[in-house]
PDB file of N, CA and C in Angstrom:
ATOM      1  N   MET A   1      78.019  76.733 111.044  1.00  0.00           N
ATOM      2  CA  MET A   1      77.982  77.769 110.045  1.00  0.00           C
ATOM      3  C   MET A   1      77.625  77.146 108.697  1.00  0.00           C
ATOM      4  N   ASN A   2      76.599  77.645 108.054  1.00  0.00           N
ATOM      5  CA  ASN A   2      76.117  77.101 106.800  1.00  0.00           C
ATOM      6  C   ASN A   2      76.482  78.055 105.663  1.00  0.00           C
ATOM      7  N   LEU A   3      77.539  77.735 104.924  1.00  0.00           N
ATOM      8  CA  LEU A   3      77.959  78.558 103.802  1.00  0.00           C
ATOM      9  C   LEU A   3      77.273  78.075 102.535  1.00  0.00           C
ATOM     10  N   GLN A   4      76.820  79.010 101.732  1.00  0.00           N
ATOM     11  CA  GLN A   4      76.207  78.661 100.463  1.00  0.00           C
ATOM     12  C   GLN A   4      77.193  78.957  99.340  1.00  0.00           C
ATOM     13  N   TYR A   5      77.205  78.080  98.340  1.00  0.00           N
ATOM     14  CA  TYR A   5      78.094  78.238  97.205  1.00  0.00           C
ATOM     15  C   TYR A   5      77.306  78.172  95.906  1.00  0.00           C
ATOM     16  N   ASN A   6      77.827  78.835  94.897  1.00  0.00           N
ATOM     17  CA  ASN A   6      77.297  78.751  93.548  1.00  0.00           C
ATOM     18  C   ASN A   6      78.303  78.014  92.685  1.00  0.00           C
ATOM     19  N   THR A   7      77.811  77.294  91.703  1.00  0.00           N
ATOM     20  CA  THR A   7      78.662  76.636  90.730  1.00  0.00           C
ATOM     21  C   THR A   7      78.679  77.489  89.473  1.00  0.00           C
ATOM     22  N   VAL A   8      79.882  77.855  89.033  1.00  0.00           N
ATOM     23  CA  VAL A   8      80.077  78.736  87.880  1.00  0.00           C
ATOM     24  C   VAL A   8      81.051  78.050  86.925  1.00  0.00           C
ATOM     25  N   THR A   9      80.787  78.147  85.627  1.00  0.00           N
ATOM     26  CA  THR A   9      81.681  77.569  84.624  1.00  0.00           C
ATOM     27  C   THR A   9      82.525  78.675  84.010  1.00  0.00           C
ATOM     28  N   VAL A  10      83.851  78.465  84.028  1.00  0.00           N
ATOM     29  CA  VAL A  10      84.795  79.431  83.464  1.00  0.00           C
ATOM     30  C   VAL A  10      85.622  78.719  82.395  1.00  0.00           C
ATOM     31  N   ASN A  11      85.476  79.167  81.157  1.00  0.00           N
ATOM     32  CA  ASN A  11      86.203  78.553  80.033  1.00  0.00           C
ATOM     33  C   ASN A  11      86.044  77.033  80.023  1.00  0.00           C
ATOM     34  N   GLY A  12      84.825  76.575  80.318  1.00  0.00           N
ATOM     35  CA  GLY A  12      84.515  75.150  80.292  1.00  0.00           C
ATOM     36  C   GLY A  12      84.860  74.387  81.554  1.00  0.00           C
ATOM     37  N   GLU A  13      85.477  75.026  82.528  1.00  0.00           N
ATOM     38  CA  GLU A  13      85.864  74.371  83.782  1.00  0.00           C
ATOM     39  C   GLU A  13      84.937  74.838  84.909  1.00  0.00           C
ATOM     40  N   VAL A  14      84.485  73.894  85.738  1.00  0.00           N
ATOM     41  CA  VAL A  14      83.524  74.197  86.801  1.00  0.00           C
ATOM     42  C   VAL A  14      84.241  74.617  88.081  1.00  0.00           C
ATOM     43  N   PHE A  15      83.751  75.712  88.681  1.00  0.00           N
ATOM     44  CA  PHE A  15      84.290  76.231  89.941  1.00  0.00           C
ATOM     45  C   PHE A  15      83.139  76.496  90.906  1.00  0.00           C
ATOM     46  N   ASN A  16      83.434  76.435  92.186  1.00  0.00           N
ATOM     47  CA  ASN A  16      82.496  76.880  93.212  1.00  0.00           C
ATOM     48  C   ASN A  16      82.939  78.246  93.704  1.00  0.00           C
ATOM     49  N   CYS A  17      81.976  79.109  93.968  1.00  0.00           N
ATOM     50  CA  CYS A  17      82.287  80.415  94.534  1.00  0.00           C
ATOM     51  C   CYS A  17      81.284  80.723  95.633  1.00  0.00           C
ATOM     52  N   ARG A  18      81.665  81.650  96.489  1.00  0.00           N
ATOM     53  CA  ARG A  18      80.775  82.050  97.586  1.00  0.00           C
ATOM     54  C   ARG A  18      79.474  82.623  97.043  1.00  0.00           C
ATOM     55  N   HIS A  19      78.404  82.368  97.752  1.00  0.00           N
ATOM     56  CA  HIS A  19      77.115  82.984  97.462  1.00  0.00           C
ATOM     57  C   HIS A  19      77.280  84.495  97.598  1.00  0.00           C
ATOM     58  N   GLN A  20      76.720  85.260  96.687  1.00  0.00           N
ATOM     59  CA  GLN A  20      76.789  86.729  96.685  1.00  0.00           C
ATOM     60  C   GLN A  20      78.180  87.263  96.350  1.00  0.00           C
ATOM     61  N   MET A  21      78.991  86.510  95.617  1.00  0.00           N
ATOM     62  CA  MET A  21      80.326  86.959  95.230  1.00  0.00           C
ATOM     63  C   MET A  21      80.233  87.764  93.940  1.00  0.00           C
ATOM     64  N   SER A  22      80.947  88.895  93.891  1.00  0.00           N
ATOM     65  CA  SER A  22      80.927  89.715  92.674  1.00  0.00           C
ATOM     66  C   SER A  22      81.829  89.094  91.612  1.00  0.00           C
ATOM     67  N   LEU A  23      81.549  89.437  90.374  1.00  0.00           N
ATOM     68  CA  LEU A  23      82.378  88.980  89.266  1.00  0.00           C
ATOM     69  C   LEU A  23      83.820  89.431  89.477  1.00  0.00           C
ATOM     70  N   HIS A  24      84.024  90.669  89.897  1.00  0.00           N
ATOM     71  CA  HIS A  24      85.370  91.190  90.140  1.00  0.00           C
ATOM     72  C   HIS A  24      86.108  90.350  91.178  1.00  0.00           C
ATOM     73  N   ASP A  25      85.478  90.093  92.321  1.00  0.00           N
ATOM     74  CA  ASP A  25      86.130  89.324  93.383  1.00  0.00           C
ATOM     75  C   ASP A  25      86.447  87.898  92.927  1.00  0.00           C
ATOM     76  N   PHE A  26      85.564  87.307  92.153  1.00  0.00           N
ATOM     77  CA  PHE A  26      85.783  85.955  91.647  1.00  0.00           C
ATOM     78  C   PHE A  26      86.973  85.926  90.691  1.00  0.00           C
ATOM     79  N   LEU A  27      87.059  86.892  89.798  1.00  0.00           N
ATOM     80  CA  LEU A  27      88.186  86.942  88.860  1.00  0.00           C
ATOM     81  C   LEU A  27      89.510  87.150  89.589  1.00  0.00           C
ATOM     82  N   ILE A  28      89.513  87.987  90.609  1.00  0.00           N
ATOM     83  CA  ILE A  28      90.720  88.198  91.418  1.00  0.00           C
ATOM     84  C   ILE A  28      91.090  86.901  92.153  1.00  0.00           C
ATOM     85  N   TYR A  29      90.095  86.218  92.693  1.00  0.00           N
ATOM     86  CA  TYR A  29      90.317  84.936  93.377  1.00  0.00           C
ATOM     87  C   TYR A  29      90.992  83.930  92.429  1.00  0.00           C
ATOM     88  N   LEU A  30      90.582  83.952  91.153  1.00  0.00           N
ATOM     89  CA  LEU A  30      91.179  83.045  90.170  1.00  0.00           C
ATOM     90  C   LEU A  30      92.491  83.583  89.597  1.00  0.00           C
ATOM     91  N   LYS A  31      92.955  84.716  90.138  1.00  0.00           N
ATOM     92  CA  LYS A  31      94.246  85.323  89.794  1.00  0.00           C
ATOM     93  C   LYS A  31      94.305  85.894  88.374  1.00  0.00           C
ATOM     94  N   PHE A  32      93.167  86.378  87.877  1.00  0.00           N
ATOM     95  CA  PHE A  32      93.157  87.094  86.603  1.00  0.00           C
ATOM     96  C   PHE A  32      93.522  88.549  86.860  1.00  0.00           C
ATOM     97  N   ASP A  33      94.257  89.149  85.937  1.00  0.00           N
ATOM     98  CA  ASP A  33      94.524  90.586  85.970  1.00  0.00           C
ATOM     99  C   ASP A  33      93.366  91.242  85.233  1.00  0.00           C
ATOM    100  N   THR A  34      92.467  91.864  85.961  1.00  0.00           N
ATOM    101  CA  THR A  34      91.242  92.396  85.366  1.00  0.00           C
ATOM    102  C   THR A  34      91.503  93.513  84.355  1.00  0.00           C
ATOM    103  N   ARG A  35      92.713  94.042  84.328  1.00  0.00           N
ATOM    104  CA  ARG A  35      93.053  95.093  83.355  1.00  0.00           C
ATOM    105  C   ARG A  35      93.400  94.533  81.987  1.00  0.00           C
ATOM    106  N   THR A  36      93.668  93.219  81.915  1.00  0.00           N
ATOM    107  CA  THR A  36      94.135  92.632  80.653  1.00  0.00           C
ATOM    108  C   THR A  36      93.264  91.482  80.178  1.00  0.00           C
ATOM    109  N   ILE A  37      91.980  91.502  80.531  1.00  0.00           N
ATOM    110  CA  ILE A  37      91.088  90.431  80.100  1.00  0.00           C
ATOM    111  C   ILE A  37      89.808  91.006  79.499  1.00  0.00           C
ATOM    112  N   ILE A  38      89.161  90.173  78.713  1.00  0.00           N
ATOM    113  CA  ILE A  38      87.811  90.444  78.222  1.00  0.00           C
ATOM    114  C   ILE A  38      86.947  89.324  78.767  1.00  0.00           C
ATOM    115  N   VAL A  39      85.773  89.681  79.306  1.00  0.00           N
ATOM    116  CA  VAL A  39      84.906  88.691  79.938  1.00  0.00           C
ATOM    117  C   VAL A  39      83.553  88.651  79.238  1.00  0.00           C
ATOM    118  N   GLU A  40      83.157  87.432  78.884  1.00  0.00           N
ATOM    119  CA  GLU A  40      81.803  87.188  78.395  1.00  0.00           C
ATOM    120  C   GLU A  40      81.053  86.508  79.536  1.00  0.00           C
ATOM    121  N   TYR A  41      79.988  87.136  79.989  1.00  0.00           N
ATOM    122  CA  TYR A  41      79.190  86.638  81.113  1.00  0.00           C
ATOM    123  C   TYR A  41      77.824  86.238  80.573  1.00  0.00           C
ATOM    124  N   ASN A  42      77.540  84.941  80.596  1.00  0.00           N
ATOM    125  CA  ASN A  42      76.275  84.424  80.052  1.00  0.00           C
ATOM    126  C   ASN A  42      76.013  84.970  78.652  1.00  0.00           C
ATOM    127  N   GLN A  43      77.032  84.875  77.810  1.00  0.00           N
ATOM    128  CA  GLN A  43      76.995  85.230  76.393  1.00  0.00           C
ATOM    129  C   GLN A  43      76.882  86.733  76.128  1.00  0.00           C
ATOM    130  N   GLU A  44      77.286  87.556  77.100  1.00  0.00           N
ATOM    131  CA  GLU A  44      77.288  89.005  76.916  1.00  0.00           C
ATOM    132  C   GLU A  44      78.638  89.557  77.355  1.00  0.00           C
ATOM    133  N   ILE A  45      79.277  90.361  76.497  1.00  0.00           N
ATOM    134  CA  ILE A  45      80.557  90.981  76.842  1.00  0.00           C
ATOM    135  C   ILE A  45      80.305  92.023  77.928  1.00  0.00           C
ATOM    136  N   ILE A  46      81.120  91.956  78.980  1.00  0.00           N
ATOM    137  CA  ILE A  46      80.952  92.832  80.141  1.00  0.00           C
ATOM    138  C   ILE A  46      82.112  93.831  80.202  1.00  0.00           C
ATOM    139  N   SER A  47      81.787  95.088  80.425  1.00  0.00           N
ATOM    140  CA  SER A  47      82.793  96.138  80.583  1.00  0.00           C
ATOM    141  C   SER A  47      83.465  96.004  81.949  1.00  0.00           C
ATOM    142  N   LEU A  48      84.740  96.307  81.993  1.00  0.00           N
ATOM    143  CA  LEU A  48      85.507  96.289  83.238  1.00  0.00           C
ATOM    144  C   LEU A  48      84.819  97.114  84.329  1.00  0.00           C
ATOM    145  N   THR A  49      84.193  98.211  83.948  1.00  0.00           N
ATOM    146  CA  THR A  49      83.541  99.078  84.937  1.00  0.00           C
ATOM    147  C   THR A  49      82.327  98.415  85.596  1.00  0.00           C
ATOM    148  N   ASN A  50      81.826  97.327  85.022  1.00  0.00           N
ATOM    149  CA  ASN A  50      80.661  96.629  85.592  1.00  0.00           C
ATOM    150  C   ASN A  50      81.023  95.386  86.402  1.00  0.00           C
ATOM    151  N   PHE A  51      82.299  95.027  86.478  1.00  0.00           N
ATOM    152  CA  PHE A  51      82.706  93.810  87.182  1.00  0.00           C
ATOM    153  C   PHE A  51      82.260  93.804  88.643  1.00  0.00           C
ATOM    154  N   HIS A  52      82.293  94.950  89.297  1.00  0.00           N
ATOM    155  CA  HIS A  52      81.911  95.021  90.716  1.00  0.00           C
ATOM    156  C   HIS A  52      80.402  94.890  90.912  1.00  0.00           C
ATOM    157  N   GLN A  53      79.622  95.277  89.913  1.00  0.00           N
ATOM    158  CA  GLN A  53      78.166  95.316  90.051  1.00  0.00           C
ATOM    159  C   GLN A  53      77.492  93.971  89.815  1.00  0.00           C
ATOM    160  N   ILE A  54      78.165  93.061  89.133  1.00  0.00           N
ATOM    161  CA  ILE A  54      77.570  91.771  88.808  1.00  0.00           C
ATOM    162  C   ILE A  54      77.823  90.789  89.936  1.00  0.00           C
ATOM    163  N   VAL A  55      76.747  90.202  90.451  1.00  0.00           N
ATOM    164  CA  VAL A  55      76.832  89.171  91.486  1.00  0.00           C
ATOM    165  C   VAL A  55      76.580  87.830  90.802  1.00  0.00           C
ATOM    166  N   LEU A  56      77.502  86.893  90.995  1.00  0.00           N
ATOM    167  CA  LEU A  56      77.405  85.597  90.331  1.00  0.00           C
ATOM    168  C   LEU A  56      76.254  84.764  90.888  1.00  0.00           C
ATOM    169  N   ASN A  57      75.622  84.029  89.983  1.00  0.00           N
ATOM    170  CA  ASN A  57      74.523  83.135  90.339  1.00  0.00           C
ATOM    171  C   ASN A  57      74.885  81.710  89.969  1.00  0.00           C
ATOM    172  N   ASN A  58      74.224  80.764  90.599  1.00  0.00           N
ATOM    173  CA  ASN A  58      74.445  79.364  90.298  1.00  0.00           C
ATOM    174  C   ASN A  58      74.157  79.107  88.815  1.00  0.00           C
ATOM    175  N   GLY A  59      75.089  78.439  88.134  1.00  0.00           N
ATOM    176  CA  GLY A  59      74.906  78.089  86.731  1.00  0.00           C
ATOM    177  C   GLY A  59      75.409  79.119  85.740  1.00  0.00           C
ATOM    178  N   ASP A  60      75.958  80.242  86.223  1.00  0.00           N
ATOM    179  CA  ASP A  60      76.493  81.257  85.312  1.00  0.00           C
ATOM    180  C   ASP A  60      77.654  80.678  84.510  1.00  0.00           C
ATOM    181  N   LYS A  61      77.819  81.205  83.295  1.00  0.00           N
ATOM    182  CA  LYS A  61      78.913  80.777  82.425  1.00  0.00           C
ATOM    183  C   LYS A  61      79.762  81.982  82.042  1.00  0.00           C
ATOM    184  N   LEU A  62      81.065  81.828  82.219  1.00  0.00           N
ATOM    185  CA  LEU A  62      82.023  82.879  81.890  1.00  0.00           C
ATOM    186  C   LEU A  62      83.006  82.362  80.849  1.00  0.00           C
ATOM    187  N   GLU A  63      83.349  83.222  79.919  1.00  0.00           N
ATOM    188  CA  GLU A  63      84.468  82.987  79.027  1.00  0.00           C
ATOM    189  C   GLU A  63      85.421  84.143  79.256  1.00  0.00           C
ATOM    190  N   VAL A  64      86.665  83.825  79.577  1.00  0.00           N
ATOM    191  CA  VAL A  64      87.655  84.862  79.882  1.00  0.00           C
ATOM    192  C   VAL A  64      88.789  84.728  78.864  1.00  0.00           C
ATOM    193  N   VAL A  65      89.072  85.853  78.193  1.00  0.00           N
ATOM    194  CA  VAL A  65      90.140  85.905  77.214  1.00  0.00           C
ATOM    195  C   VAL A  65      91.198  86.869  77.732  1.00  0.00           C
ATOM    196  N   THR A  66      92.448  86.408  77.787  1.00  0.00           N
ATOM    197  CA  THR A  66      93.546  87.240  78.255  1.00  0.00           C
ATOM    198  C   THR A  66      94.204  87.915  77.059  1.00  0.00           C
ATOM    199  N   ILE A  67      94.394  89.215  77.181  1.00  0.00           N
ATOM    200  CA  ILE A  67      95.044  89.996  76.133  1.00  0.00           C
ATOM    201  C   ILE A  67      96.547  89.956  76.391  1.00  0.00           C
ATOM    202  N   VAL A  68      97.294  89.534  75.376  1.00  0.00           N
ATOM    203  CA  VAL A  68      98.745  89.407  75.506  1.00  0.00           C
ATOM    204  C   VAL A  68      99.389  90.355  74.502  1.00  0.00           C
ATOM    205  N   GLY A  69     100.302  91.168  75.003  1.00  0.00           N
ATOM    206  CA  GLY A  69     101.027  92.079  74.115  1.00  0.00           C
ATOM    207  C   GLY A  69     102.308  91.431  73.621  1.00  0.00           C
ATOM    208  N   GLY A  70     102.851  91.991  72.619  1.00  0.00           N
ATOM    209  CA  GLY A  70     104.107  91.459  72.112  1.00  0.00           C
ATOM    210  C   GLY A  70     104.344  91.916  70.695  1.00  0.00           C
ATOM    211  N   GLY A  71     105.373  91.397  70.139  1.00  0.00           N
ATOM    212  CA  GLY A  71     105.681  91.835  68.793  1.00  0.00           C
ATOM    213  C   GLY A  71     106.200  90.756  67.922  1.00  0.00           C
TER     214      GLY A  71
END
């Protein structure tokens, strides 16, 4: 079985992900709560509603910011 992987950078750290993996599935795999984050994908802010539509490619760069509530 020949599995293909893409290399993706998240907040400066390199990860491998399955070929044809969606942004949503990748974020869940990394244990992010997609309801409380903002994602920059290749220097573009992505809406939560588009996470399922984006398929990661080799060399993609993500910046993920977690929103923390408090007082």
